[in-house]
Amino acid sequence: MVESSPNIPVQRLVDLHIEYAAGVPGNRESLWHTLGIWQLKQLKYLGLNPGSHLLDVGCGPLRLGMYVIPFLEDDHFWGVDPYAPYEKLAKAIMKETGCRKKYTIKIGADFPFVDSGRKFDFAMAQSVVTHLSNNQLDHLMTNLKRSMAPGGQFVFTYTDNPYPYGIFYEMEYPMITPAGLNDKYFSKLAERFEIEYLGCPGGIEPHPTGQRVGVFQF
């Protein structure tokens, strides 16, 4: 069952973050299982099956991965993240789940998945697009256009803020929270990249944190 937990308590997740010096524990641990379950359920609703190839943009230390990697066939998961400490933490978390399936994590801020040698059926970006500059989002879409299978779907969450503001991820790395992310913006982006913007398909469950959900189809 998707809804079952891989049996890693929240406190253990906090301890592992501290042990691997992988950032400042916060609400991501308290919502860890809730968000991981939500992500997998929406992907399955859109058609993800064990034979699908999945790209996780901003995979972190595999919050989605710990749920979806056991569901997918061996080596059908690719994750990319710019924050290097997450790579070792992810390995530690997956070891605790007992899952022995192969998967890939690539570290880099330039979305290093275009040389994966495969076409992805699904991609997901949980709380990533809402922290990208316009140029970074263009770069992401350029790489996705090269890497998605025909008909492949990119699921992302975002917030529509009235004005942009800056934050420091893990109290170290500067990031932006942009303004003007809405259906009109994403429709124009889809037109420019010659893909389809589906908005939020009916049947997608509300995001646990209130973020909005969008889907591009390639």
N, C-alpha and C. Protein backbone atom coordinates (compact mmCIF):
# COMPACT_ATOMS: atom_id res chain seq x y z
N MET A 1 0.83 -1.19 0.00
CA MET A 1 0.00 0.00 0.00
C MET A 1 0.88 1.25 0.00
N VAL A 2 0.54 2.21 -0.84
CA VAL A 2 1.28 3.47 -0.88
C VAL A 2 1.21 4.17 0.47
N GLU A 3 0.06 4.04 1.17
CA GLU A 3 -0.15 4.79 2.38
C GLU A 3 0.67 4.27 3.57
N SER A 4 1.25 3.10 3.45
CA SER A 4 2.04 2.57 4.56
C SER A 4 3.37 3.30 4.65
N SER A 5 3.90 3.41 5.84
CA SER A 5 5.15 4.12 6.07
C SER A 5 6.33 3.17 5.92
N PRO A 6 7.46 3.67 5.37
CA PRO A 6 8.66 2.85 5.37
C PRO A 6 9.26 2.70 6.77
N ASN A 7 8.54 3.13 7.79
CA ASN A 7 8.91 2.89 9.19
C ASN A 7 10.19 3.59 9.60
N ILE A 8 10.40 4.79 9.11
CA ILE A 8 11.47 5.65 9.62
C ILE A 8 10.80 6.77 10.39
N PRO A 9 10.88 6.76 11.71
CA PRO A 9 10.23 7.81 12.49
C PRO A 9 10.79 9.19 12.17
N VAL A 10 9.98 10.20 12.39
CA VAL A 10 10.39 11.58 12.12
C VAL A 10 11.65 11.92 12.91
N GLN A 11 11.72 11.50 14.17
CA GLN A 11 12.91 11.82 14.96
C GLN A 11 14.16 11.19 14.36
N ARG A 12 14.03 10.02 13.78
CA ARG A 12 15.19 9.39 13.15
C ARG A 12 15.62 10.18 11.92
N LEU A 13 14.67 10.72 11.17
CA LEU A 13 15.01 11.57 10.03
C LEU A 13 15.75 12.82 10.48
N VAL A 14 15.31 13.41 11.56
CA VAL A 14 15.99 14.58 12.12
C VAL A 14 17.41 14.21 12.51
N ASP A 15 17.56 13.08 13.21
CA ASP A 15 18.88 12.64 13.66
C ASP A 15 19.82 12.41 12.48
N LEU A 16 19.30 11.83 11.40
CA LEU A 16 20.13 11.56 10.22
C LEU A 16 20.55 12.88 9.55
N HIS A 17 19.66 13.85 9.48
CA HIS A 17 20.04 15.15 8.93
C HIS A 17 21.20 15.76 9.72
N ILE A 18 21.14 15.64 11.02
CA ILE A 18 22.20 16.19 11.87
C ILE A 18 23.48 15.38 11.70
N GLU A 19 23.35 14.05 11.68
CA GLU A 19 24.51 13.18 11.57
C GLU A 19 25.29 13.44 10.28
N TYR A 20 24.58 13.70 9.19
CA TYR A 20 25.24 13.90 7.90
C TYR A 20 25.41 15.38 7.56
N ALA A 21 25.23 16.24 8.55
CA ALA A 21 25.42 17.69 8.36
C ALA A 21 24.69 18.17 7.11
N ALA A 22 23.44 17.72 6.99
CA ALA A 22 22.65 17.99 5.78
C ALA A 22 21.54 18.99 6.07
N GLY A 23 21.95 20.14 6.57
CA GLY A 23 20.99 21.22 6.74
C GLY A 23 20.36 21.27 8.11
N VAL A 24 19.48 22.21 8.25
CA VAL A 24 18.82 22.49 9.53
C VAL A 24 17.46 21.80 9.55
N PRO A 25 17.24 20.85 10.44
CA PRO A 25 15.94 20.17 10.49
C PRO A 25 14.81 21.18 10.69
N GLY A 26 13.70 20.94 10.01
CA GLY A 26 12.57 21.86 10.08
C GLY A 26 11.28 21.15 9.77
N ASN A 27 10.33 21.88 9.17
CA ASN A 27 9.02 21.29 8.94
C ASN A 27 9.04 20.22 7.86
N ARG A 28 10.14 20.13 7.08
CA ARG A 28 10.17 19.09 6.05
C ARG A 28 10.16 17.71 6.69
N GLU A 29 10.74 17.59 7.90
CA GLU A 29 10.69 16.28 8.56
C GLU A 29 9.29 15.99 9.11
N SER A 30 8.64 16.98 9.70
CA SER A 30 7.31 16.75 10.27
C SER A 30 6.29 16.38 9.18
N LEU A 31 6.52 16.88 7.96
CA LEU A 31 5.62 16.58 6.84
C LEU A 31 6.21 15.54 5.89
N TRP A 32 7.30 14.95 6.27
CA TRP A 32 8.06 14.07 5.37
C TRP A 32 7.18 12.99 4.76
N HIS A 33 6.55 12.19 5.58
CA HIS A 33 5.75 11.07 5.07
C HIS A 33 4.49 11.58 4.37
N THR A 34 3.89 12.64 4.90
CA THR A 34 2.69 13.20 4.26
C THR A 34 2.99 13.64 2.84
N LEU A 35 4.10 14.34 2.64
CA LEU A 35 4.45 14.83 1.30
C LEU A 35 4.90 13.70 0.38
N GLY A 36 5.68 12.75 0.91
CA GLY A 36 6.11 11.63 0.09
C GLY A 36 4.94 10.82 -0.43
N ILE A 37 3.97 10.56 0.45
CA ILE A 37 2.77 9.82 0.05
C ILE A 37 1.97 10.62 -0.97
N TRP A 38 1.82 11.93 -0.71
CA TRP A 38 1.06 12.78 -1.65
C TRP A 38 1.68 12.75 -3.03
N GLN A 39 3.01 12.90 -3.11
CA GLN A 39 3.69 12.92 -4.40
C GLN A 39 3.44 11.62 -5.17
N LEU A 40 3.63 10.49 -4.51
CA LEU A 40 3.48 9.22 -5.20
C LEU A 40 2.03 9.01 -5.64
N LYS A 41 1.07 9.38 -4.81
CA LYS A 41 -0.34 9.19 -5.16
C LYS A 41 -0.71 9.99 -6.40
N GLN A 42 -0.21 11.23 -6.50
CA GLN A 42 -0.57 12.04 -7.67
C GLN A 42 0.09 11.49 -8.93
N LEU A 43 1.33 11.04 -8.82
CA LEU A 43 2.00 10.44 -9.98
C LEU A 43 1.27 9.18 -10.44
N LYS A 44 0.86 8.35 -9.51
CA LYS A 44 0.12 7.14 -9.87
C LYS A 44 -1.23 7.49 -10.50
N TYR A 45 -1.87 8.53 -9.99
CA TYR A 45 -3.14 8.96 -10.58
C TYR A 45 -2.95 9.37 -12.04
N LEU A 46 -1.81 10.01 -12.34
CA LEU A 46 -1.53 10.46 -13.71
C LEU A 46 -1.02 9.33 -14.60
N GLY A 47 -0.78 8.15 -14.03
CA GLY A 47 -0.41 7.00 -14.86
C GLY A 47 0.92 6.37 -14.57
N LEU A 48 1.65 6.82 -13.55
CA LEU A 48 2.92 6.20 -13.21
C LEU A 48 2.71 4.72 -12.91
N ASN A 49 3.54 3.88 -13.51
CA ASN A 49 3.49 2.45 -13.24
C ASN A 49 4.91 1.94 -13.01
N PRO A 50 5.08 0.72 -12.56
CA PRO A 50 6.43 0.24 -12.23
C PRO A 50 7.43 0.34 -13.38
N GLY A 51 6.95 0.29 -14.63
CA GLY A 51 7.86 0.37 -15.77
C GLY A 51 8.18 1.79 -16.21
N SER A 52 7.58 2.79 -15.58
CA SER A 52 7.83 4.18 -15.95
C SER A 52 9.23 4.61 -15.53
N HIS A 53 9.81 5.53 -16.29
CA HIS A 53 11.06 6.18 -15.91
C HIS A 53 10.70 7.53 -15.30
N LEU A 54 11.16 7.76 -14.07
CA LEU A 54 10.78 8.95 -13.31
C LEU A 54 12.00 9.80 -13.01
N LEU A 55 11.86 11.11 -13.24
CA LEU A 55 12.87 12.10 -12.89
C LEU A 55 12.34 12.92 -11.72
N ASP A 56 13.11 13.01 -10.65
CA ASP A 56 12.75 13.82 -9.48
C ASP A 56 13.68 15.03 -9.45
N VAL A 57 13.14 16.20 -9.81
CA VAL A 57 13.92 17.44 -9.86
C VAL A 57 13.89 18.07 -8.47
N GLY A 58 15.06 18.25 -7.88
CA GLY A 58 15.11 18.69 -6.49
C GLY A 58 14.75 17.55 -5.56
N CYS A 59 15.41 16.41 -5.79
CA CYS A 59 15.03 15.17 -5.09
C CYS A 59 15.36 15.19 -3.62
N GLY A 60 16.25 16.13 -3.19
CA GLY A 60 16.65 16.15 -1.80
C GLY A 60 17.21 14.81 -1.37
N PRO A 61 17.02 14.44 -0.11
CA PRO A 61 17.50 13.14 0.36
C PRO A 61 16.46 12.03 0.21
N LEU A 62 15.69 12.12 -0.87
CA LEU A 62 14.77 11.06 -1.32
C LEU A 62 13.53 10.90 -0.46
N ARG A 63 12.87 12.02 -0.19
CA ARG A 63 11.56 11.94 0.48
C ARG A 63 10.57 11.21 -0.41
N LEU A 64 10.48 11.62 -1.69
CA LEU A 64 9.66 10.85 -2.63
C LEU A 64 10.33 9.53 -2.94
N GLY A 65 11.64 9.55 -3.09
CA GLY A 65 12.38 8.35 -3.49
C GLY A 65 12.14 7.16 -2.60
N MET A 66 12.06 7.38 -1.29
CA MET A 66 11.91 6.24 -0.38
C MET A 66 10.58 5.55 -0.58
N TYR A 67 9.60 6.25 -1.15
CA TYR A 67 8.31 5.65 -1.47
C TYR A 67 8.26 5.09 -2.89
N VAL A 68 8.84 5.84 -3.84
CA VAL A 68 8.64 5.48 -5.24
C VAL A 68 9.67 4.49 -5.76
N ILE A 69 10.89 4.51 -5.23
CA ILE A 69 11.92 3.59 -5.72
C ILE A 69 11.50 2.13 -5.52
N PRO A 70 10.95 1.76 -4.35
CA PRO A 70 10.48 0.37 -4.22
C PRO A 70 9.34 0.03 -5.17
N PHE A 71 8.56 1.02 -5.59
CA PHE A 71 7.43 0.80 -6.50
C PHE A 71 7.89 0.60 -7.94
N LEU A 72 8.97 1.31 -8.33
CA LEU A 72 9.44 1.26 -9.71
C LEU A 72 10.34 0.06 -9.95
N GLU A 73 10.48 -0.28 -11.21
CA GLU A 73 11.46 -1.30 -11.59
C GLU A 73 12.87 -0.80 -11.29
N ASP A 74 13.79 -1.72 -11.23
CA ASP A 74 15.18 -1.40 -10.90
C ASP A 74 15.75 -0.33 -11.83
N ASP A 75 16.39 0.68 -11.25
CA ASP A 75 17.09 1.72 -12.00
C ASP A 75 16.16 2.55 -12.88
N HIS A 76 14.95 2.77 -12.43
CA HIS A 76 14.00 3.61 -13.17
C HIS A 76 13.79 4.96 -12.51
N PHE A 77 14.59 5.27 -11.49
CA PHE A 77 14.49 6.55 -10.79
C PHE A 77 15.77 7.34 -10.96
N TRP A 78 15.63 8.59 -11.40
CA TRP A 78 16.73 9.55 -11.44
C TRP A 78 16.35 10.75 -10.59
N GLY A 79 17.25 11.14 -9.69
CA GLY A 79 17.03 12.35 -8.91
C GLY A 79 18.17 13.31 -9.10
N VAL A 80 17.86 14.61 -9.14
CA VAL A 80 18.89 15.64 -9.23
C VAL A 80 18.63 16.68 -8.15
N ASP A 81 19.71 17.18 -7.56
CA ASP A 81 19.60 18.19 -6.52
C ASP A 81 20.90 18.99 -6.46
N PRO A 82 20.82 20.30 -6.16
CA PRO A 82 22.04 21.09 -6.10
C PRO A 82 22.79 20.99 -4.77
N TYR A 83 22.17 20.40 -3.74
CA TYR A 83 22.73 20.43 -2.39
C TYR A 83 23.49 19.14 -2.11
N ALA A 84 24.83 19.21 -2.15
CA ALA A 84 25.68 18.03 -2.09
C ALA A 84 25.48 17.15 -0.86
N PRO A 85 25.27 17.71 0.35
CA PRO A 85 25.12 16.82 1.52
C PRO A 85 23.95 15.84 1.43
N TYR A 86 22.99 16.13 0.55
CA TYR A 86 21.84 15.23 0.45
C TYR A 86 22.20 13.88 -0.16
N GLU A 87 23.30 13.81 -0.91
CA GLU A 87 23.62 12.55 -1.57
C GLU A 87 23.92 11.44 -0.56
N LYS A 88 24.78 11.73 0.42
CA LYS A 88 25.10 10.72 1.43
C LYS A 88 23.92 10.47 2.36
N LEU A 89 23.18 11.54 2.68
CA LEU A 89 22.00 11.36 3.53
C LEU A 89 20.98 10.47 2.84
N ALA A 90 20.79 10.66 1.54
CA ALA A 90 19.83 9.83 0.80
C ALA A 90 20.23 8.36 0.87
N LYS A 91 21.51 8.07 0.72
CA LYS A 91 21.96 6.68 0.80
C LYS A 91 21.67 6.09 2.18
N ALA A 92 21.87 6.90 3.22
CA ALA A 92 21.62 6.42 4.57
C ALA A 92 20.13 6.15 4.78
N ILE A 93 19.29 7.04 4.26
CA ILE A 93 17.84 6.86 4.40
C ILE A 93 17.38 5.61 3.65
N MET A 94 17.86 5.43 2.42
CA MET A 94 17.45 4.26 1.65
C MET A 94 17.94 2.97 2.29
N LYS A 95 19.11 3.03 2.91
CA LYS A 95 19.60 1.84 3.63
C LYS A 95 18.65 1.48 4.76
N GLU A 96 18.13 2.47 5.45
CA GLU A 96 17.21 2.21 6.56
C GLU A 96 15.88 1.64 6.07
N THR A 97 15.49 1.98 4.86
CA THR A 97 14.23 1.42 4.33
C THR A 97 14.38 -0.06 3.98
N GLY A 98 15.61 -0.50 3.76
CA GLY A 98 15.84 -1.89 3.36
C GLY A 98 15.69 -2.12 1.87
N CYS A 99 15.43 -1.04 1.10
CA CYS A 99 15.25 -1.19 -0.35
C CYS A 99 16.62 -1.33 -1.01
N ARG A 100 16.76 -2.34 -1.85
CA ARG A 100 18.03 -2.61 -2.51
C ARG A 100 18.01 -2.30 -4.01
N LYS A 101 16.94 -1.68 -4.48
CA LYS A 101 16.85 -1.37 -5.90
C LYS A 101 17.85 -0.28 -6.28
N LYS A 102 18.30 -0.33 -7.55
CA LYS A 102 19.22 0.68 -8.05
C LYS A 102 18.47 1.97 -8.36
N TYR A 103 19.14 3.08 -8.16
CA TYR A 103 18.61 4.39 -8.50
C TYR A 103 19.79 5.31 -8.74
N THR A 104 19.53 6.51 -9.25
CA THR A 104 20.60 7.46 -9.54
C THR A 104 20.28 8.81 -8.91
N ILE A 105 21.31 9.40 -8.31
CA ILE A 105 21.24 10.80 -7.85
C ILE A 105 22.41 11.54 -8.47
N LYS A 106 22.13 12.68 -9.07
CA LYS A 106 23.16 13.56 -9.61
C LYS A 106 23.10 14.90 -8.88
N ILE A 107 24.25 15.38 -8.46
CA ILE A 107 24.34 16.65 -7.75
C ILE A 107 24.79 17.74 -8.73
N GLY A 108 24.05 18.83 -8.76
CA GLY A 108 24.43 19.95 -9.62
C GLY A 108 23.30 20.95 -9.73
N ALA A 109 23.64 22.23 -9.84
CA ALA A 109 22.63 23.28 -9.91
C ALA A 109 22.11 23.51 -11.32
N ASP A 110 22.68 22.81 -12.31
CA ASP A 110 22.31 23.06 -13.70
C ASP A 110 21.40 21.96 -14.26
N PHE A 111 20.68 21.29 -13.36
CA PHE A 111 19.73 20.24 -13.76
C PHE A 111 20.42 19.17 -14.60
N PRO A 112 21.36 18.42 -13.99
CA PRO A 112 22.21 17.48 -14.73
C PRO A 112 21.55 16.15 -15.03
N PHE A 113 20.53 16.19 -15.88
CA PHE A 113 19.88 14.92 -16.24
C PHE A 113 19.81 14.73 -17.75
N VAL A 114 20.30 15.69 -18.52
CA VAL A 114 20.16 15.58 -19.98
C VAL A 114 21.03 14.47 -20.55
N ASP A 115 22.05 14.03 -19.83
CA ASP A 115 22.93 12.97 -20.31
C ASP A 115 22.61 11.63 -19.67
N SER A 116 21.36 11.48 -19.22
CA SER A 116 20.98 10.25 -18.52
C SER A 116 20.91 9.04 -19.45
N GLY A 117 20.77 9.29 -20.75
CA GLY A 117 20.67 8.20 -21.70
C GLY A 117 19.30 7.58 -21.78
N ARG A 118 18.29 8.26 -21.24
CA ARG A 118 16.93 7.73 -21.28
C ARG A 118 15.94 8.87 -21.46
N LYS A 119 14.72 8.50 -21.79
CA LYS A 119 13.63 9.46 -21.88
C LYS A 119 12.67 9.20 -20.71
N PHE A 120 12.34 10.24 -20.01
CA PHE A 120 11.52 10.10 -18.81
C PHE A 120 10.04 10.20 -19.15
N ASP A 121 9.26 9.30 -18.56
CA ASP A 121 7.81 9.31 -18.73
C ASP A 121 7.15 10.33 -17.81
N PHE A 122 7.76 10.52 -16.64
CA PHE A 122 7.25 11.47 -15.67
C PHE A 122 8.42 12.21 -15.03
N ALA A 123 8.18 13.46 -14.68
CA ALA A 123 9.11 14.23 -13.87
C ALA A 123 8.30 14.96 -12.82
N MET A 124 8.90 15.14 -11.66
CA MET A 124 8.22 15.88 -10.59
C MET A 124 9.19 16.85 -9.95
N ALA A 125 8.68 18.05 -9.64
CA ALA A 125 9.45 19.06 -8.92
C ALA A 125 8.59 19.58 -7.78
N GLN A 126 8.87 19.06 -6.59
CA GLN A 126 8.14 19.44 -5.39
C GLN A 126 8.83 20.66 -4.77
N SER A 127 8.13 21.79 -4.75
CA SER A 127 8.64 23.03 -4.14
C SER A 127 9.99 23.43 -4.74
N VAL A 128 10.10 23.36 -6.06
CA VAL A 128 11.30 23.76 -6.78
C VAL A 128 11.03 24.96 -7.69
N VAL A 129 10.03 24.82 -8.54
CA VAL A 129 9.68 25.91 -9.47
C VAL A 129 9.40 27.20 -8.71
N THR A 130 8.86 27.07 -7.53
CA THR A 130 8.53 28.25 -6.74
C THR A 130 9.76 28.92 -6.14
N HIS A 131 10.94 28.37 -6.42
CA HIS A 131 12.18 29.00 -5.96
C HIS A 131 13.19 29.20 -7.09
N LEU A 132 12.72 29.24 -8.32
CA LEU A 132 13.62 29.44 -9.46
C LEU A 132 13.44 30.83 -10.05
N SER A 133 14.54 31.39 -10.52
CA SER A 133 14.45 32.62 -11.30
C SER A 133 13.88 32.28 -12.68
N ASN A 134 13.49 33.29 -13.43
CA ASN A 134 12.99 33.05 -14.79
C ASN A 134 14.02 32.35 -15.64
N ASN A 135 15.29 32.76 -15.52
CA ASN A 135 16.35 32.13 -16.31
C ASN A 135 16.56 30.67 -15.90
N GLN A 136 16.51 30.39 -14.61
CA GLN A 136 16.66 29.01 -14.16
C GLN A 136 15.50 28.14 -14.66
N LEU A 137 14.29 28.69 -14.64
CA LEU A 137 13.15 27.92 -15.12
C LEU A 137 13.26 27.66 -16.62
N ASP A 138 13.74 28.64 -17.37
CA ASP A 138 13.97 28.43 -18.80
C ASP A 138 14.98 27.31 -19.02
N HIS A 139 16.05 27.30 -18.22
CA HIS A 139 17.07 26.27 -18.36
C HIS A 139 16.49 24.89 -18.02
N LEU A 140 15.69 24.83 -16.96
CA LEU A 140 15.04 23.57 -16.61
C LEU A 140 14.15 23.08 -17.74
N MET A 141 13.34 23.97 -18.31
CA MET A 141 12.43 23.55 -19.38
C MET A 141 13.20 23.13 -20.62
N THR A 142 14.31 23.79 -20.91
CA THR A 142 15.14 23.40 -22.05
C THR A 142 15.65 21.98 -21.87
N ASN A 143 16.14 21.66 -20.67
CA ASN A 143 16.64 20.32 -20.40
C ASN A 143 15.52 19.28 -20.41
N LEU A 144 14.36 19.65 -19.88
CA LEU A 144 13.23 18.72 -19.91
C LEU A 144 12.79 18.45 -21.35
N LYS A 145 12.79 19.47 -22.18
CA LYS A 145 12.37 19.29 -23.58
C LYS A 145 13.26 18.25 -24.26
N ARG A 146 14.51 18.18 -23.87
CA ARG A 146 15.45 17.22 -24.45
C ARG A 146 15.34 15.84 -23.82
N SER A 147 14.72 15.76 -22.63
CA SER A 147 14.82 14.54 -21.84
C SER A 147 13.51 13.80 -21.62
N MET A 148 12.38 14.43 -21.93
CA MET A 148 11.09 13.78 -21.69
C MET A 148 10.65 12.96 -22.89
N ALA A 149 10.03 11.84 -22.61
CA ALA A 149 9.45 11.01 -23.67
C ALA A 149 8.23 11.72 -24.26
N PRO A 150 7.89 11.43 -25.52
CA PRO A 150 6.66 12.00 -26.08
C PRO A 150 5.45 11.67 -25.21
N GLY A 151 4.70 12.69 -24.84
CA GLY A 151 3.57 12.49 -23.94
C GLY A 151 3.93 12.51 -22.48
N GLY A 152 5.24 12.62 -22.18
CA GLY A 152 5.69 12.64 -20.79
C GLY A 152 5.13 13.85 -20.05
N GLN A 153 4.90 13.68 -18.76
CA GLN A 153 4.30 14.74 -17.95
C GLN A 153 5.25 15.20 -16.85
N PHE A 154 5.31 16.52 -16.71
CA PHE A 154 6.12 17.15 -15.67
C PHE A 154 5.16 17.79 -14.66
N VAL A 155 5.16 17.24 -13.45
CA VAL A 155 4.29 17.71 -12.38
C VAL A 155 5.11 18.61 -11.45
N PHE A 156 4.58 19.79 -11.14
CA PHE A 156 5.33 20.71 -10.28
C PHE A 156 4.39 21.45 -9.35
N THR A 157 4.95 21.90 -8.23
CA THR A 157 4.19 22.71 -7.29
C THR A 157 4.78 24.12 -7.30
N TYR A 158 3.93 25.09 -6.95
CA TYR A 158 4.39 26.49 -6.98
C TYR A 158 3.48 27.33 -6.11
N THR A 159 3.93 28.54 -5.84
CA THR A 159 3.12 29.55 -5.16
C THR A 159 3.10 30.79 -6.03
N ASP A 160 1.98 31.51 -6.00
CA ASP A 160 1.83 32.75 -6.77
C ASP A 160 1.92 33.91 -5.79
N ASN A 161 3.12 34.46 -5.66
CA ASN A 161 3.36 35.53 -4.70
C ASN A 161 3.14 36.90 -5.33
N PRO A 162 2.69 37.88 -4.56
CA PRO A 162 2.47 39.22 -5.11
C PRO A 162 3.76 39.96 -5.41
N TYR A 163 4.86 39.55 -4.78
CA TYR A 163 6.15 40.20 -5.02
C TYR A 163 7.26 39.18 -4.74
N PRO A 164 8.43 39.35 -5.37
CA PRO A 164 9.52 38.40 -5.14
C PRO A 164 10.26 38.70 -3.84
N TYR A 165 10.86 37.68 -3.28
CA TYR A 165 11.69 37.90 -2.09
C TYR A 165 12.76 36.81 -2.04
N GLY A 166 13.84 37.09 -1.35
CA GLY A 166 14.95 36.16 -1.26
C GLY A 166 14.93 35.38 0.04
N ILE A 167 15.47 34.18 -0.02
CA ILE A 167 15.62 33.34 1.16
C ILE A 167 17.00 32.69 1.12
N PHE A 168 17.41 32.07 2.23
CA PHE A 168 18.65 31.29 2.27
C PHE A 168 18.29 29.85 2.58
N TYR A 169 18.46 28.99 1.57
CA TYR A 169 18.16 27.57 1.76
C TYR A 169 19.18 26.96 2.70
N GLU A 170 18.71 26.25 3.70
CA GLU A 170 19.55 25.65 4.74
C GLU A 170 20.46 26.69 5.40
N MET A 171 19.99 27.94 5.41
CA MET A 171 20.73 29.06 6.01
C MET A 171 22.09 29.27 5.37
N GLU A 172 22.25 28.79 4.13
CA GLU A 172 23.54 28.92 3.44
C GLU A 172 23.40 29.47 2.03
N TYR A 173 22.47 28.88 1.24
CA TYR A 173 22.44 29.13 -0.19
C TYR A 173 21.32 30.12 -0.55
N PRO A 174 21.68 31.24 -1.19
CA PRO A 174 20.64 32.22 -1.56
C PRO A 174 19.71 31.67 -2.63
N MET A 175 18.42 31.88 -2.44
CA MET A 175 17.41 31.47 -3.40
C MET A 175 16.39 32.58 -3.52
N ILE A 176 15.66 32.57 -4.59
CA ILE A 176 14.61 33.56 -4.81
C ILE A 176 13.25 32.89 -4.78
N THR A 177 12.28 33.60 -4.25
CA THR A 177 10.88 33.20 -4.41
C THR A 177 10.26 34.21 -5.36
N PRO A 178 10.01 33.84 -6.61
CA PRO A 178 9.59 34.80 -7.62
C PRO A 178 8.12 35.17 -7.48
N ALA A 179 7.72 36.15 -8.24
CA ALA A 179 6.33 36.58 -8.30
C ALA A 179 5.77 36.27 -9.69
N GLY A 180 4.45 36.25 -9.80
CA GLY A 180 3.81 36.13 -11.11
C GLY A 180 3.69 34.74 -11.66
N LEU A 181 3.84 33.72 -10.81
CA LEU A 181 3.66 32.35 -11.28
C LEU A 181 2.17 32.03 -11.26
N ASN A 182 1.59 31.88 -12.43
CA ASN A 182 0.15 31.60 -12.52
C ASN A 182 -0.12 30.91 -13.86
N ASP A 183 -1.38 30.57 -14.09
CA ASP A 183 -1.73 29.83 -15.31
C ASP A 183 -1.34 30.59 -16.57
N LYS A 184 -1.50 31.90 -16.56
CA LYS A 184 -1.15 32.69 -17.73
C LYS A 184 0.35 32.61 -18.02
N TYR A 185 1.15 32.72 -16.98
CA TYR A 185 2.61 32.63 -17.13
C TYR A 185 3.00 31.26 -17.69
N PHE A 186 2.45 30.19 -17.12
CA PHE A 186 2.84 28.84 -17.55
C PHE A 186 2.30 28.51 -18.94
N SER A 187 1.16 29.08 -19.30
CA SER A 187 0.63 28.87 -20.65
C SER A 187 1.55 29.49 -21.69
N LYS A 188 2.06 30.69 -21.40
CA LYS A 188 3.00 31.34 -22.31
C LYS A 188 4.31 30.56 -22.38
N LEU A 189 4.74 30.03 -21.25
CA LEU A 189 5.96 29.23 -21.23
C LEU A 189 5.79 27.98 -22.09
N ALA A 190 4.64 27.33 -21.98
CA ALA A 190 4.37 26.14 -22.78
C ALA A 190 4.35 26.47 -24.26
N GLU A 191 3.77 27.60 -24.62
CA GLU A 191 3.72 28.01 -26.03
C GLU A 191 5.12 28.22 -26.57
N ARG A 192 5.97 28.83 -25.77
CA ARG A 192 7.34 29.11 -26.21
C ARG A 192 8.13 27.82 -26.42
N PHE A 193 7.88 26.81 -25.57
CA PHE A 193 8.62 25.55 -25.68
C PHE A 193 7.88 24.51 -26.52
N GLU A 194 6.76 24.90 -27.09
CA GLU A 194 5.96 24.03 -27.97
C GLU A 194 5.55 22.74 -27.27
N ILE A 195 5.05 22.91 -26.06
CA ILE A 195 4.50 21.80 -25.29
C ILE A 195 3.10 22.23 -24.83
N GLU A 196 2.46 21.41 -24.01
CA GLU A 196 1.10 21.73 -23.56
C GLU A 196 1.08 21.93 -22.05
N TYR A 197 0.40 23.00 -21.63
CA TYR A 197 0.20 23.22 -20.20
C TYR A 197 -1.20 22.74 -19.83
N LEU A 198 -1.28 21.77 -18.95
CA LEU A 198 -2.55 21.16 -18.59
C LEU A 198 -3.19 21.79 -17.36
N GLY A 199 -2.51 22.76 -16.76
CA GLY A 199 -3.01 23.30 -15.50
C GLY A 199 -2.95 22.24 -14.43
N CYS A 200 -3.94 22.23 -13.55
CA CYS A 200 -4.03 21.20 -12.52
C CYS A 200 -5.14 20.23 -12.92
N PRO A 201 -4.80 19.04 -13.39
CA PRO A 201 -5.83 18.10 -13.85
C PRO A 201 -6.83 17.75 -12.75
N GLY A 202 -8.08 17.58 -13.14
CA GLY A 202 -9.08 17.14 -12.20
C GLY A 202 -8.72 15.81 -11.59
N GLY A 203 -8.93 15.67 -10.31
CA GLY A 203 -8.57 14.45 -9.62
C GLY A 203 -7.29 14.56 -8.82
N ILE A 204 -6.47 15.59 -9.11
CA ILE A 204 -5.27 15.83 -8.32
C ILE A 204 -5.70 16.33 -6.94
N GLU A 205 -5.17 15.72 -5.90
CA GLU A 205 -5.55 16.10 -4.54
C GLU A 205 -4.87 17.42 -4.14
N PRO A 206 -5.51 18.21 -3.28
CA PRO A 206 -4.88 19.45 -2.80
C PRO A 206 -3.53 19.17 -2.15
N HIS A 207 -2.60 20.09 -2.37
CA HIS A 207 -1.26 19.92 -1.80
C HIS A 207 -1.33 20.11 -0.28
N PRO A 208 -0.58 19.29 0.47
CA PRO A 208 -0.66 19.37 1.94
C PRO A 208 -0.28 20.73 2.52
N THR A 209 0.56 21.51 1.81
CA THR A 209 0.98 22.82 2.33
C THR A 209 0.22 23.96 1.67
N GLY A 210 -0.71 23.65 0.79
CA GLY A 210 -1.46 24.70 0.14
C GLY A 210 -0.84 25.21 -1.15
N GLN A 211 0.29 24.66 -1.57
CA GLN A 211 0.88 25.05 -2.84
C GLN A 211 -0.06 24.65 -3.99
N ARG A 212 0.11 25.33 -5.10
CA ARG A 212 -0.65 24.99 -6.29
C ARG A 212 0.09 23.92 -7.10
N VAL A 213 -0.62 23.28 -7.98
CA VAL A 213 -0.05 22.18 -8.76
C VAL A 213 -0.29 22.46 -10.23
N GLY A 214 0.74 22.25 -11.04
CA GLY A 214 0.62 22.37 -12.48
C GLY A 214 1.25 21.19 -13.18
N VAL A 215 0.85 20.96 -14.43
CA VAL A 215 1.40 19.84 -15.22
C VAL A 215 1.68 20.32 -16.63
N PHE A 216 2.88 20.08 -17.11
CA PHE A 216 3.23 20.25 -18.51
C PHE A 216 3.26 18.88 -19.18
N GLN A 217 2.81 18.81 -20.42
CA GLN A 217 2.90 17.57 -21.19
C GLN A 217 3.76 17.80 -22.42
N PHE A 218 4.70 16.89 -22.66
CA PHE A 218 5.68 17.04 -23.75
C PHE A 218 5.28 16.22 -24.97
